[in-house]
Amino acid sequence: MNYGNKSILTKEDKRDLKLLYQKAWNRELTSINNTPIYLVKPFHTAVGT
């Protein structure tokens, strides 16, 4: 992934992000560099429940 004014999201970046999210949601990936991954619900989905 690139940063700055010429930053673009490549096909490889999209593939990697998709895999990252799939593994996190399936609890196959629970931390990155010893930092735990917490799955949370957005506040707007919890309003009124």
C-alpha atoms as a PDB file:
ATOM      1  CA  MET A   1       0.000   0.000   0.000  1.00  0.00           C
ATOM      2  CA  ASN A   2       1.293   3.459  -0.840  1.00  0.00           C
ATOM      3  CA  TYR A   3       0.892   6.660   1.136  1.00  0.00           C
ATOM      4  CA  GLY A   4       0.740  10.319   0.182  1.00  0.00           C
ATOM      5  CA  ASN A   5      -0.781  12.221  -2.710  1.00  0.00           C
ATOM      6  CA  LYS A   6      -0.201   9.393  -5.192  1.00  0.00           C
ATOM      7  CA  SER A   7      -1.644   6.731  -2.941  1.00  0.00           C
ATOM      8  CA  ILE A   8      -3.617   4.009  -4.696  1.00  0.00           C
ATOM      9  CA  LEU A   9      -5.288   0.846  -3.502  1.00  0.00           C
ATOM     10  CA  THR A  10      -4.003  -1.948  -5.747  1.00  0.00           C
ATOM     11  CA  LYS A  11      -5.674  -5.236  -6.586  1.00  0.00           C
ATOM     12  CA  GLU A  12      -3.154  -6.920  -4.301  1.00  0.00           C
ATOM     13  CA  ASP A  13      -4.057  -4.539  -1.462  1.00  0.00           C
ATOM     14  CA  LYS A  14      -7.745  -5.342  -1.892  1.00  0.00           C
ATOM     15  CA  ARG A  15      -6.985  -9.075  -1.929  1.00  0.00           C
ATOM     16  CA  ASP A  16      -4.887  -8.785   1.225  1.00  0.00           C
ATOM     17  CA  LEU A  17      -7.553  -6.746   3.057  1.00  0.00           C
ATOM     18  CA  LYS A  18     -10.266  -9.215   2.069  1.00  0.00           C
ATOM     19  CA  LEU A  19      -8.176 -12.090   3.425  1.00  0.00           C
ATOM     20  CA  LEU A  20      -7.377 -10.163   6.614  1.00  0.00           C
ATOM     21  CA  TYR A  21     -11.062  -9.463   7.313  1.00  0.00           C
ATOM     22  CA  GLN A  22     -12.124 -13.019   6.494  1.00  0.00           C
ATOM     23  CA  LYS A  23      -9.542 -14.449   8.902  1.00  0.00           C
ATOM     24  CA  ALA A  24     -10.469 -11.987  11.644  1.00  0.00           C
ATOM     25  CA  TRP A  25     -14.218 -12.628  11.273  1.00  0.00           C
ATOM     26  CA  ASN A  26     -13.637 -16.399  11.316  1.00  0.00           C
ATOM     27  CA  ARG A  27     -11.405 -16.029  14.389  1.00  0.00           C
ATOM     28  CA  GLU A  28      -8.470 -17.565  12.502  1.00  0.00           C
ATOM     29  CA  LEU A  29      -6.513 -14.374  13.181  1.00  0.00           C
ATOM     30  CA  THR A  30      -6.734 -13.093  16.746  1.00  0.00           C
ATOM     31  CA  SER A  31      -3.769 -10.703  16.917  1.00  0.00           C
ATOM     32  CA  ILE A  32      -1.267  -8.800  14.804  1.00  0.00           C
ATOM     33  CA  ASN A  33       2.200  -8.200  16.281  1.00  0.00           C
ATOM     34  CA  ASN A  34       0.845  -9.293  19.691  1.00  0.00           C
ATOM     35  CA  THR A  35      -1.939  -6.694  19.465  1.00  0.00           C
ATOM     36  CA  PRO A  36      -5.331  -8.380  19.955  1.00  0.00           C
ATOM     37  CA  ILE A  37      -8.037  -7.965  17.340  1.00  0.00           C
ATOM     38  CA  TYR A  38     -11.410  -7.010  18.822  1.00  0.00           C
ATOM     39  CA  LEU A  39     -14.555  -7.335  16.744  1.00  0.00           C
ATOM     40  CA  VAL A  40     -17.024  -4.595  17.623  1.00  0.00           C
ATOM     41  CA  LYS A  41     -20.437  -3.523  16.382  1.00  0.00           C
ATOM     42  CA  PRO A  42     -20.798   0.022  15.064  1.00  0.00           C
ATOM     43  CA  PHE A  43     -22.676   2.269  17.502  1.00  0.00           C
ATOM     44  CA  HIS A  44     -25.432   3.055  15.003  1.00  0.00           C
ATOM     45  CA  THR A  45     -26.368  -0.651  14.809  1.00  0.00           C
ATOM     46  CA  ALA A  46     -26.808  -0.897  18.591  1.00  0.00           C
ATOM     47  CA  VAL A  47     -29.139   2.088  19.011  1.00  0.00           C
ATOM     48  CA  GLY A  48     -32.588   1.061  20.158  1.00  0.00           C
ATOM     49  CA  THR A  49     -31.655  -2.470  21.194  1.00  0.00           C
END
